[in-house]
Amino acid sequence: MGNDYWRVRVLGETTSTQDELKHELVSNGDCVVAEYQSNGRGRLDRSFESDAGVALLFSFYIQPPVTHSRSLESQGWIPLIAGMSVAATLNELTSATDYSTKWPNDVISESGKIAGVLCEKYGSGIIVGIGINVTTLPEELPVPTASSLYITHGIEIDRNELLPQLLRTFHALFELWINGTDLTPRYRALAATIGREVRVALPGGKSLEGKAIGVGAHGELVLESGDLVSVGDVVHLRSAL
């Protein structure tokens, strides 16, 4: 791993890596990886399905410090940092720029959704769950809008290489954020949502439409209308100009 921050445990099968961390006394940097999840979950209580051995499925626990520069509210940036870490790592490993983030934390390519992120408050910290379709074939995809690294690039990336590099990238960005660095420019460079017309499905059945122009201090999506969205499901309506 290159440092002593992470402690990684690998399982053959579990209900979900999120639940696995909740069953033990976790501490900062604990990480659980599974070959297969029987009850994997995504954002907004959606299921996350994957055949065994074709995806990188893992969760880790962090305890962001609450300081004068980093309030509890600003922890809304953690999902964005997780998505940035996945996109940046995939671009580096493939020597490409094919991977970007869809607010708040999905990772996409032109062929579809590659990865999803789920962040949950737990105790005094946050459990971050990530699922990445690595060698998934078209017939193995759970929905038509999904894709994989193999489908996008036609190459097989070693999950044993992908995991440590991704964790190192997340830790580096997380430390910058803790120390007060503004990560907005880095996020914008990887963000497919910024500059697009979007529809946001809000809790309760309402929705908003407009141009996404940025992210706020707490990780909210900023629309050209002035609306700030902290929770919602985004649909890209058309390409950025």
C-alpha atoms as a PDB file:
ATOM      1  CA  MET A   1       0.000   0.000   0.000  1.00  0.00           C
ATOM      2  CA  GLY A   2       2.949   2.346   0.380  1.00  0.00           C
ATOM      3  CA  ASN A   3       1.849   3.630   3.808  1.00  0.00           C
ATOM      4  CA  ASP A   4       0.366   2.355   7.055  1.00  0.00           C
ATOM      5  CA  TYR A   5      -2.940   4.240   6.781  1.00  0.00           C
ATOM      6  CA  TRP A   6      -4.936   1.376   5.248  1.00  0.00           C
ATOM      7  CA  ARG A   7      -5.638  -2.084   6.682  1.00  0.00           C
ATOM      8  CA  VAL A   8      -7.215  -4.281   3.994  1.00  0.00           C
ATOM      9  CA  ARG A   9      -9.124  -7.544   4.535  1.00  0.00           C
ATOM     10  CA  VAL A  10     -10.312  -9.675   1.598  1.00  0.00           C
ATOM     11  CA  LEU A  11     -13.397 -11.915   1.720  1.00  0.00           C
ATOM     12  CA  GLY A  12     -14.720 -14.463  -0.746  1.00  0.00           C
ATOM     13  CA  GLU A  13     -18.342 -13.525  -0.145  1.00  0.00           C
ATOM     14  CA  THR A  14     -20.423 -11.268   2.111  1.00  0.00           C
ATOM     15  CA  THR A  15     -23.846  -9.652   2.105  1.00  0.00           C
ATOM     16  CA  SER A  16     -22.192  -6.269   1.532  1.00  0.00           C
ATOM     17  CA  THR A  17     -18.845  -4.766   2.393  1.00  0.00           C
ATOM     18  CA  GLN A  18     -20.708  -1.859   4.033  1.00  0.00           C
ATOM     19  CA  ASP A  19     -22.445  -4.249   6.426  1.00  0.00           C
ATOM     20  CA  GLU A  20     -19.210  -6.157   7.043  1.00  0.00           C
ATOM     21  CA  LEU A  21     -17.557  -3.042   8.492  1.00  0.00           C
ATOM     22  CA  LYS A  22     -20.590  -2.427  10.717  1.00  0.00           C
ATOM     23  CA  HIS A  23     -20.182  -5.880  12.263  1.00  0.00           C
ATOM     24  CA  GLU A  24     -16.769  -5.092  13.709  1.00  0.00           C
ATOM     25  CA  LEU A  25     -15.099  -2.443  15.827  1.00  0.00           C
ATOM     26  CA  VAL A  26     -13.826  -0.253  13.014  1.00  0.00           C
ATOM     27  CA  SER A  27     -11.076   2.332  13.102  1.00  0.00           C
ATOM     28  CA  ASN A  28      -9.772   4.902  10.651  1.00  0.00           C
ATOM     29  CA  GLY A  29      -8.414   3.205   7.513  1.00  0.00           C
ATOM     30  CA  ASP A  30     -10.116  -0.196   7.849  1.00  0.00           C
ATOM     31  CA  CYS A  31     -11.026  -1.593   4.416  1.00  0.00           C
ATOM     32  CA  VAL A  32     -12.965  -4.716   3.403  1.00  0.00           C
ATOM     33  CA  VAL A  33     -12.889  -6.163  -0.118  1.00  0.00           C
ATOM     34  CA  ALA A  34     -15.190  -8.934  -1.389  1.00  0.00           C
ATOM     35  CA  GLU A  35     -15.171 -11.127  -4.480  1.00  0.00           C
ATOM     36  CA  TYR A  36     -18.969 -11.275  -4.315  1.00  0.00           C
ATOM     37  CA  GLN A  37     -21.763  -9.401  -2.518  1.00  0.00           C
ATOM     38  CA  SER A  38     -25.157 -11.077  -2.137  1.00  0.00           C
ATOM     39  CA  ASN A  39     -26.871  -7.834  -1.105  1.00  0.00           C
ATOM     40  CA  GLY A  40     -24.773  -4.971  -2.451  1.00  0.00           C
ATOM     41  CA  ARG A  41     -26.319  -1.503  -2.229  1.00  0.00           C
ATOM     42  CA  GLY A  42     -25.942   1.743  -4.120  1.00  0.00           C
ATOM     43  CA  ARG A  43     -27.244   5.276  -3.625  1.00  0.00           C
ATOM     44  CA  LEU A  44     -30.937   5.893  -2.908  1.00  0.00           C
ATOM     45  CA  ASP A  45     -31.401   2.278  -1.703  1.00  0.00           C
ATOM     46  CA  ARG A  46     -30.728   0.817  -5.147  1.00  0.00           C
ATOM     47  CA  SER A  47     -29.169  -2.635  -5.397  1.00  0.00           C
ATOM     48  CA  PHE A  48     -25.639  -3.027  -6.786  1.00  0.00           C
ATOM     49  CA  GLU A  49     -25.380  -6.316  -8.662  1.00  0.00           C
ATOM     50  CA  SER A  50     -22.248  -7.985  -9.993  1.00  0.00           C
ATOM     51  CA  ASP A  51     -21.101 -11.492 -10.818  1.00  0.00           C
ATOM     52  CA  ALA A  52     -18.279 -12.889  -8.715  1.00  0.00           C
ATOM     53  CA  GLY A  53     -14.728 -11.974  -9.657  1.00  0.00           C
ATOM     54  CA  VAL A  54     -15.442  -9.336 -12.332  1.00  0.00           C
ATOM     55  CA  ALA A  55     -15.795  -6.193 -10.196  1.00  0.00           C
ATOM     56  CA  LEU A  56     -13.784  -4.451  -7.507  1.00  0.00           C
ATOM     57  CA  LEU A  57     -16.126  -4.265  -4.509  1.00  0.00           C
ATOM     58  CA  PHE A  58     -14.899  -2.648  -1.304  1.00  0.00           C
ATOM     59  CA  SER A  59     -15.736  -0.336   1.577  1.00  0.00           C
ATOM     60  CA  PHE A  60     -13.521   1.637   3.938  1.00  0.00           C
ATOM     61  CA  TYR A  61     -13.992   3.638   7.112  1.00  0.00           C
ATOM     62  CA  ILE A  62     -12.684   7.159   7.690  1.00  0.00           C
ATOM     63  CA  GLN A  63     -13.071   9.695  10.469  1.00  0.00           C
ATOM     64  CA  PRO A  64     -12.881  13.211   9.012  1.00  0.00           C
ATOM     65  CA  PRO A  65     -11.754  15.620  11.737  1.00  0.00           C
ATOM     66  CA  VAL A  66     -14.045  18.512  12.567  1.00  0.00           C
ATOM     67  CA  THR A  67     -11.896  21.663  12.554  1.00  0.00           C
ATOM     68  CA  HIS A  68     -12.326  25.389  12.020  1.00  0.00           C
ATOM     69  CA  SER A  69     -11.797  24.831   8.280  1.00  0.00           C
ATOM     70  CA  ARG A  70     -13.736  21.571   7.962  1.00  0.00           C
ATOM     71  CA  SER A  71     -17.206  21.552   9.528  1.00  0.00           C
ATOM     72  CA  LEU A  72     -19.608  18.625   9.672  1.00  0.00           C
ATOM     73  CA  GLU A  73     -21.536  20.227   6.805  1.00  0.00           C
ATOM     74  CA  SER A  74     -18.461  20.275   4.591  1.00  0.00           C
ATOM     75  CA  GLN A  75     -18.290  16.469   4.794  1.00  0.00           C
ATOM     76  CA  GLY A  76     -20.644  16.550   1.822  1.00  0.00           C
ATOM     77  CA  TRP A  77     -17.367  16.696  -0.112  1.00  0.00           C
ATOM     78  CA  ILE A  78     -16.445  13.113   0.856  1.00  0.00           C
ATOM     79  CA  PRO A  79     -18.613  11.480  -1.867  1.00  0.00           C
ATOM     80  CA  LEU A  80     -17.130  13.876  -4.416  1.00  0.00           C
ATOM     81  CA  ILE A  81     -13.586  13.017  -3.310  1.00  0.00           C
ATOM     82  CA  ALA A  82     -14.392   9.315  -3.633  1.00  0.00           C
ATOM     83  CA  GLY A  83     -15.704   9.780  -7.177  1.00  0.00           C
ATOM     84  CA  MET A  84     -12.733  11.951  -8.119  1.00  0.00           C
ATOM     85  CA  SER A  85     -10.365   9.278  -6.799  1.00  0.00           C
ATOM     86  CA  VAL A  86     -11.947   6.566  -8.939  1.00  0.00           C
ATOM     87  CA  ALA A  87     -12.005   8.666 -12.130  1.00  0.00           C
ATOM     88  CA  ALA A  88      -8.442   9.951 -11.666  1.00  0.00           C
ATOM     89  CA  THR A  89      -7.095   6.455 -10.951  1.00  0.00           C
ATOM     90  CA  LEU A  90      -8.819   4.914 -13.974  1.00  0.00           C
ATOM     91  CA  ASN A  91      -7.512   7.669 -16.253  1.00  0.00           C
ATOM     92  CA  GLU A  92      -4.009   7.130 -14.919  1.00  0.00           C
ATOM     93  CA  LEU A  93      -4.060   3.347 -15.280  1.00  0.00           C
ATOM     94  CA  THR A  94      -5.463   3.500 -18.813  1.00  0.00           C
ATOM     95  CA  SER A  95      -3.379   6.528 -19.893  1.00  0.00           C
ATOM     96  CA  ALA A  96      -6.613   8.117 -21.081  1.00  0.00           C
ATOM     97  CA  THR A  97      -9.162  10.782 -20.209  1.00  0.00           C
ATOM     98  CA  ASP A  98     -12.236   8.619 -20.759  1.00  0.00           C
ATOM     99  CA  TYR A  99     -13.479   8.591 -17.171  1.00  0.00           C
ATOM    100  CA  SER A 100     -15.330  11.413 -15.445  1.00  0.00           C
ATOM    101  CA  THR A 101     -17.698  11.967 -12.533  1.00  0.00           C
ATOM    102  CA  LYS A 102     -21.458  12.409 -12.636  1.00  0.00           C
ATOM    103  CA  TRP A 103     -22.538  14.374  -9.575  1.00  0.00           C
ATOM    104  CA  PRO A 104     -22.311  13.454  -6.844  1.00  0.00           C
ATOM    105  CA  ASN A 105     -20.118  10.384  -7.204  1.00  0.00           C
ATOM    106  CA  ASP A 106     -20.898   8.059 -10.126  1.00  0.00           C
ATOM    107  CA  VAL A 107     -18.015   7.449 -12.520  1.00  0.00           C
ATOM    108  CA  ILE A 108     -18.907   7.236 -16.198  1.00  0.00           C
ATOM    109  CA  SER A 109     -17.385   6.815 -19.628  1.00  0.00           C
ATOM    110  CA  GLU A 110     -18.893   7.259 -23.070  1.00  0.00           C
ATOM    111  CA  SER A 111     -20.028   3.624 -22.882  1.00  0.00           C
ATOM    112  CA  GLY A 112     -21.974   4.028 -19.613  1.00  0.00           C
ATOM    113  CA  LYS A 113     -21.677   3.926 -15.825  1.00  0.00           C
ATOM    114  CA  ILE A 114     -18.459   2.290 -14.676  1.00  0.00           C
ATOM    115  CA  ALA A 115     -18.592   2.751 -10.907  1.00  0.00           C
ATOM    116  CA  GLY A 116     -20.844   3.794  -8.067  1.00  0.00           C
ATOM    117  CA  VAL A 117     -20.142   5.156  -4.602  1.00  0.00           C
ATOM    118  CA  LEU A 118     -22.202   4.970  -1.415  1.00  0.00           C
ATOM    119  CA  CYS A 119     -21.270   7.043   1.652  1.00  0.00           C
ATOM    120  CA  GLU A 120     -22.960   6.400   4.999  1.00  0.00           C
ATOM    121  CA  LYS A 121     -22.497   8.074   8.345  1.00  0.00           C
ATOM    122  CA  TYR A 122     -21.458   5.480  10.911  1.00  0.00           C
ATOM    123  CA  GLY A 123     -20.499   6.314  14.487  1.00  0.00           C
ATOM    124  CA  SER A 124     -18.140   9.265  14.440  1.00  0.00           C
ATOM    125  CA  GLY A 125     -17.053   8.608  10.874  1.00  0.00           C
ATOM    126  CA  ILE A 126     -18.132   7.627   7.367  1.00  0.00           C
ATOM    127  CA  ILE A 127     -18.192   4.304   5.544  1.00  0.00           C
ATOM    128  CA  VAL A 128     -17.356   4.746   1.865  1.00  0.00           C
ATOM    129  CA  GLY A 129     -18.459   1.885  -0.390  1.00  0.00           C
ATOM    130  CA  ILE A 130     -17.222   1.625  -3.981  1.00  0.00           C
ATOM    131  CA  GLY A 131     -18.118  -0.800  -6.751  1.00  0.00           C
ATOM    132  CA  ILE A 132     -16.230  -0.757 -10.055  1.00  0.00           C
ATOM    133  CA  ASN A 133     -17.108  -2.930 -13.053  1.00  0.00           C
ATOM    134  CA  VAL A 134     -13.685  -4.139 -14.146  1.00  0.00           C
ATOM    135  CA  THR A 135     -13.877  -7.136 -16.501  1.00  0.00           C
ATOM    136  CA  THR A 136     -17.682  -7.294 -16.701  1.00  0.00           C
ATOM    137  CA  LEU A 137     -18.934  -8.406 -20.140  1.00  0.00           C
ATOM    138  CA  PRO A 138     -21.974  -6.839 -21.856  1.00  0.00           C
ATOM    139  CA  GLU A 139     -24.184  -9.839 -21.084  1.00  0.00           C
ATOM    140  CA  GLU A 140     -23.261  -9.600 -17.389  1.00  0.00           C
ATOM    141  CA  LEU A 141     -24.346  -5.979 -16.931  1.00  0.00           C
ATOM    142  CA  PRO A 142     -27.391  -5.475 -14.666  1.00  0.00           C
ATOM    143  CA  VAL A 143     -28.841  -2.506 -16.617  1.00  0.00           C
ATOM    144  CA  PRO A 144     -28.383  -1.119 -20.162  1.00  0.00           C
ATOM    145  CA  THR A 145     -26.820   2.123 -18.872  1.00  0.00           C
ATOM    146  CA  ALA A 146     -23.948   0.292 -17.140  1.00  0.00           C
ATOM    147  CA  SER A 147     -20.538  -0.478 -18.601  1.00  0.00           C
ATOM    148  CA  SER A 148     -17.114  -1.706 -17.511  1.00  0.00           C
ATOM    149  CA  LEU A 149     -13.429  -0.963 -17.920  1.00  0.00           C
ATOM    150  CA  TYR A 150     -13.118  -3.931 -20.254  1.00  0.00           C
ATOM    151  CA  ILE A 151     -15.991  -2.745 -22.461  1.00  0.00           C
ATOM    152  CA  THR A 152     -14.583   0.792 -22.572  1.00  0.00           C
ATOM    153  CA  HIS A 153     -10.961  -0.086 -23.297  1.00  0.00           C
ATOM    154  CA  GLY A 154     -10.862  -3.748 -24.268  1.00  0.00           C
ATOM    155  CA  ILE A 155      -8.147  -4.439 -21.697  1.00  0.00           C
ATOM    156  CA  GLU A 156      -8.149  -6.321 -18.409  1.00  0.00           C
ATOM    157  CA  ILE A 157      -6.927  -4.222 -15.495  1.00  0.00           C
ATOM    158  CA  ASP A 158      -5.543  -6.142 -12.534  1.00  0.00           C
ATOM    159  CA  ARG A 159      -7.763  -5.502  -9.507  1.00  0.00           C
ATOM    160  CA  ASN A 160      -4.704  -6.085  -7.285  1.00  0.00           C
ATOM    161  CA  GLU A 161      -3.140  -3.040  -8.935  1.00  0.00           C
ATOM    162  CA  LEU A 162      -6.318  -0.969  -9.087  1.00  0.00           C
ATOM    163  CA  LEU A 163      -7.241  -1.158  -5.391  1.00  0.00           C
ATOM    164  CA  PRO A 164      -3.983   0.085  -3.810  1.00  0.00           C
ATOM    165  CA  GLN A 165      -3.579   2.872  -6.363  1.00  0.00           C
ATOM    166  CA  LEU A 166      -7.143   4.023  -5.795  1.00  0.00           C
ATOM    167  CA  LEU A 167      -6.761   3.991  -2.011  1.00  0.00           C
ATOM    168  CA  ARG A 168      -3.527   5.979  -2.272  1.00  0.00           C
ATOM    169  CA  THR A 169      -5.239   8.533  -4.506  1.00  0.00           C
ATOM    170  CA  PHE A 170      -8.192   8.874  -2.140  1.00  0.00           C
ATOM    171  CA  HIS A 171      -5.902   9.295   0.873  1.00  0.00           C
ATOM    172  CA  ALA A 172      -3.862  12.002  -0.873  1.00  0.00           C
ATOM    173  CA  LEU A 173      -6.991  13.990  -1.821  1.00  0.00           C
ATOM    174  CA  PHE A 174      -8.540  13.417   1.599  1.00  0.00           C
ATOM    175  CA  GLU A 175      -5.431  14.807   3.316  1.00  0.00           C
ATOM    176  CA  LEU A 176      -5.457  17.873   1.063  1.00  0.00           C
ATOM    177  CA  TRP A 177      -9.131  18.438   1.914  1.00  0.00           C
ATOM    178  CA  ILE A 178      -8.489  18.022   5.664  1.00  0.00           C
ATOM    179  CA  ASN A 179      -5.718  20.619   5.470  1.00  0.00           C
ATOM    180  CA  GLY A 180      -8.056  23.167   3.890  1.00  0.00           C
ATOM    181  CA  THR A 181      -7.133  22.842   0.216  1.00  0.00           C
ATOM    182  CA  ASP A 182      -9.891  23.886  -2.185  1.00  0.00           C
ATOM    183  CA  LEU A 183     -10.461  20.818  -4.360  1.00  0.00           C
ATOM    184  CA  THR A 184     -12.995  22.549  -6.618  1.00  0.00           C
ATOM    185  CA  PRO A 185     -10.581  22.991  -9.580  1.00  0.00           C
ATOM    186  CA  ARG A 186      -9.623  19.309  -9.435  1.00  0.00           C
ATOM    187  CA  TYR A 187     -13.258  18.304  -9.234  1.00  0.00           C
ATOM    188  CA  ARG A 188     -14.280  20.494 -12.170  1.00  0.00           C
ATOM    189  CA  ALA A 189     -11.503  18.977 -14.289  1.00  0.00           C
ATOM    190  CA  LEU A 190     -13.074  15.528 -13.845  1.00  0.00           C
ATOM    191  CA  ALA A 191     -16.749  16.523 -13.711  1.00  0.00           C
ATOM    192  CA  ALA A 192     -19.007  15.578 -16.620  1.00  0.00           C
ATOM    193  CA  THR A 193     -22.012  17.244 -14.953  1.00  0.00           C
ATOM    194  CA  ILE A 194     -20.639  20.794 -14.765  1.00  0.00           C
ATOM    195  CA  GLY A 195     -21.685  22.791 -17.826  1.00  0.00           C
ATOM    196  CA  ARG A 196     -24.533  20.449 -18.770  1.00  0.00           C
ATOM    197  CA  GLU A 197     -28.267  20.875 -18.749  1.00  0.00           C
ATOM    198  CA  VAL A 198     -29.556  18.465 -16.113  1.00  0.00           C
ATOM    199  CA  ARG A 199     -32.718  17.173 -14.541  1.00  0.00           C
ATOM    200  CA  VAL A 200     -32.460  16.471 -10.804  1.00  0.00           C
ATOM    201  CA  ALA A 201     -35.002  14.160  -9.179  1.00  0.00           C
ATOM    202  CA  LEU A 202     -35.374  15.340  -5.579  1.00  0.00           C
ATOM    203  CA  PRO A 203     -36.620  13.402  -2.543  1.00  0.00           C
ATOM    204  CA  GLY A 204     -40.406  13.567  -2.360  1.00  0.00           C
ATOM    205  CA  GLY A 205     -41.009  13.332  -6.096  1.00  0.00           C
ATOM    206  CA  LYS A 206     -40.157  16.909  -7.132  1.00  0.00           C
ATOM    207  CA  SER A 207     -37.538  17.735  -9.746  1.00  0.00           C
ATOM    208  CA  LEU A 208     -35.444  20.625 -10.999  1.00  0.00           C
ATOM    209  CA  GLU A 209     -34.091  21.375 -14.448  1.00  0.00           C
ATOM    210  CA  GLY A 210     -31.316  23.747 -15.377  1.00  0.00           C
ATOM    211  CA  LYS A 211     -27.667  24.155 -16.189  1.00  0.00           C
ATOM    212  CA  ALA A 212     -25.172  22.829 -13.627  1.00  0.00           C
ATOM    213  CA  ILE A 213     -22.507  25.493 -13.145  1.00  0.00           C
ATOM    214  CA  GLY A 214     -20.474  24.320 -10.154  1.00  0.00           C
ATOM    215  CA  VAL A 215     -20.284  22.802  -6.690  1.00  0.00           C
ATOM    216  CA  GLY A 216     -20.728  24.576  -3.370  1.00  0.00           C
ATOM    217  CA  ALA A 217     -18.686  24.698  -0.184  1.00  0.00           C
ATOM    218  CA  HIS A 218     -20.500  21.631   1.170  1.00  0.00           C
ATOM    219  CA  GLY A 219     -20.382  19.639  -2.059  1.00  0.00           C
ATOM    220  CA  GLU A 220     -23.802  20.751  -3.315  1.00  0.00           C
ATOM    221  CA  LEU A 221     -24.549  20.921  -7.028  1.00  0.00           C
ATOM    222  CA  VAL A 222     -25.043  24.563  -8.035  1.00  0.00           C
ATOM    223  CA  LEU A 223     -27.565  25.301 -10.788  1.00  0.00           C
ATOM    224  CA  GLU A 224     -27.599  28.445 -12.921  1.00  0.00           C
ATOM    225  CA  SER A 225     -30.954  29.318 -11.315  1.00  0.00           C
ATOM    226  CA  GLY A 226     -29.210  29.645  -7.942  1.00  0.00           C
ATOM    227  CA  ASP A 227     -30.648  26.391  -6.593  1.00  0.00           C
ATOM    228  CA  LEU A 228     -28.316  24.285  -4.472  1.00  0.00           C
ATOM    229  CA  VAL A 229     -28.874  20.525  -4.556  1.00  0.00           C
ATOM    230  CA  SER A 230     -27.450  18.439  -1.727  1.00  0.00           C
ATOM    231  CA  VAL A 231     -29.403  15.211  -2.409  1.00  0.00           C
ATOM    232  CA  GLY A 232     -30.809  14.116  -5.739  1.00  0.00           C
ATOM    233  CA  ASP A 233     -30.558  11.879  -8.778  1.00  0.00           C
ATOM    234  CA  VAL A 234     -29.055  13.641 -11.801  1.00  0.00           C
ATOM    235  CA  VAL A 235     -29.844  12.989 -15.461  1.00  0.00           C
ATOM    236  CA  HIS A 236     -27.659  14.628 -18.118  1.00  0.00           C
ATOM    237  CA  LEU A 237     -30.001  16.130 -20.702  1.00  0.00           C
ATOM    238  CA  ARG A 238     -27.473  17.101 -23.317  1.00  0.00           C
ATOM    239  CA  SER A 239     -23.743  17.492 -23.811  1.00  0.00           C
ATOM    240  CA  ALA A 240     -21.855  20.522 -22.534  1.00  0.00           C
ATOM    241  CA  LEU A 241     -21.400  23.306 -25.046  1.00  0.00           C
END
